[in-house]
Amino acid sequence: MKLIAGLGAAAAAALIAAPTAHADTNSYLDYLHSHHAGAIAGFSDFALIIGGNKACVLPPDQVAAVAAGMPAVSSAVYDAAHHELCP
């Protein structure tokens, strides 16, 4: 019983000490609009957030494949996501 209580306390301490995630959609969108406004013109914030979330888990070449024919958009989304959105 003491072992279980000790493990529970250790797990709780680890969660309290864990760093917070970096994901913030508002700062991501602000970054996109201030650094890449020309590249993302015409895209909804919803579409940009979906793209940013994909950019957090895909390598750059696969992000470019998702946005085939739009290299400026995929580059902008990847850049902004890795500055502001990805943990």
Protein backbone atom coordinates (compact mmCIF):
# COMPACT_ATOMS: atom_id res chain seq x y z
CA MET A 1 0.00 0.00 0.00
CA LYS A 2 2.85 2.39 0.79
CA LEU A 3 4.37 1.59 -2.62
CA ILE A 4 1.17 2.61 -4.40
CA ALA A 5 0.93 5.83 -2.38
CA GLY A 6 4.58 6.58 -3.13
CA LEU A 7 4.09 6.01 -6.85
CA GLY A 8 1.00 8.23 -6.82
CA ALA A 9 2.90 10.99 -5.07
CA ALA A 10 5.79 10.68 -7.52
CA ALA A 11 3.41 10.85 -10.48
CA ALA A 12 1.69 13.92 -9.05
CA ALA A 13 5.03 15.63 -8.47
CA ALA A 14 6.09 14.88 -12.04
CA LEU A 15 2.90 16.42 -13.41
CA ILE A 16 3.29 19.53 -11.29
CA ALA A 17 6.92 19.96 -12.34
CA ALA A 18 6.26 19.26 -16.03
CA PRO A 19 6.78 22.22 -18.36
CA THR A 20 3.69 23.73 -19.88
CA ALA A 21 2.92 23.12 -23.53
CA HIS A 22 3.83 25.84 -26.01
CA ALA A 23 0.63 25.48 -28.02
CA ASP A 24 -1.23 28.78 -28.34
CA THR A 25 -3.49 29.29 -31.35
CA ASN A 26 -3.86 33.04 -30.83
CA SER A 27 -0.11 33.73 -30.86
CA TYR A 28 0.25 31.33 -33.81
CA LEU A 29 -2.34 33.25 -35.83
CA ASP A 30 -0.83 36.60 -34.79
CA TYR A 31 2.60 35.38 -35.92
CA LEU A 32 1.21 34.18 -39.25
CA HIS A 33 -0.63 37.43 -39.92
CA SER A 34 2.34 39.61 -38.97
CA HIS A 35 5.12 37.60 -40.65
CA HIS A 36 3.41 35.87 -43.58
CA ALA A 37 0.32 37.94 -44.45
CA GLY A 38 0.90 37.73 -48.21
CA ALA A 39 1.32 33.97 -48.23
CA ILE A 40 -1.80 33.20 -46.21
CA ALA A 41 -4.19 35.71 -47.80
CA GLY A 42 -7.56 34.11 -48.43
CA PHE A 43 -7.18 31.28 -45.90
CA SER A 44 -9.52 31.11 -42.91
CA ASP A 45 -8.09 31.00 -39.40
CA PHE A 46 -9.73 27.60 -39.02
CA ALA A 47 -7.84 26.20 -42.03
CA LEU A 48 -4.59 27.77 -40.81
CA ILE A 49 -4.99 26.20 -37.36
CA ILE A 50 -5.62 22.77 -38.90
CA GLY A 51 -2.54 23.23 -41.07
CA GLY A 52 -0.49 24.35 -38.09
CA ASN A 53 -1.49 21.32 -36.06
CA LYS A 54 -0.47 19.07 -38.96
CA ALA A 55 2.84 20.95 -39.24
CA CYS A 56 3.58 20.05 -35.63
CA VAL A 57 3.55 16.32 -36.37
CA LEU A 58 4.72 16.13 -39.99
CA PRO A 59 8.19 16.77 -41.43
CA PRO A 60 8.48 19.83 -43.72
CA ASP A 61 8.37 17.82 -46.95
CA GLN A 62 5.08 16.20 -45.94
CA VAL A 63 3.62 19.57 -44.95
CA ALA A 64 4.55 20.79 -48.44
CA ALA A 65 2.83 17.72 -49.94
CA VAL A 66 -0.38 18.52 -48.02
CA ALA A 67 -0.30 22.04 -49.49
CA ALA A 68 0.84 20.92 -52.93
CA GLY A 69 1.31 23.81 -55.32
CA MET A 70 1.42 26.34 -52.50
CA PRO A 71 5.02 26.34 -51.22
CA ALA A 72 4.73 29.80 -49.67
CA VAL A 73 1.71 28.72 -47.62
CA SER A 74 3.26 25.47 -46.41
CA SER A 75 6.49 27.25 -45.51
CA ALA A 76 4.62 30.00 -43.64
CA VAL A 77 2.44 27.54 -41.73
CA TYR A 78 5.42 25.34 -40.82
CA ASP A 79 7.45 28.35 -39.66
CA ALA A 80 4.66 29.85 -37.57
CA ALA A 81 3.62 26.51 -36.07
CA HIS A 82 7.14 25.74 -34.91
CA HIS A 83 7.52 29.23 -33.43
CA GLU A 84 4.17 29.49 -31.68
CA LEU A 85 2.02 26.36 -31.79
CA CYS A 86 3.97 23.14 -31.41
CA PRO A 87 4.79 21.93 -27.90
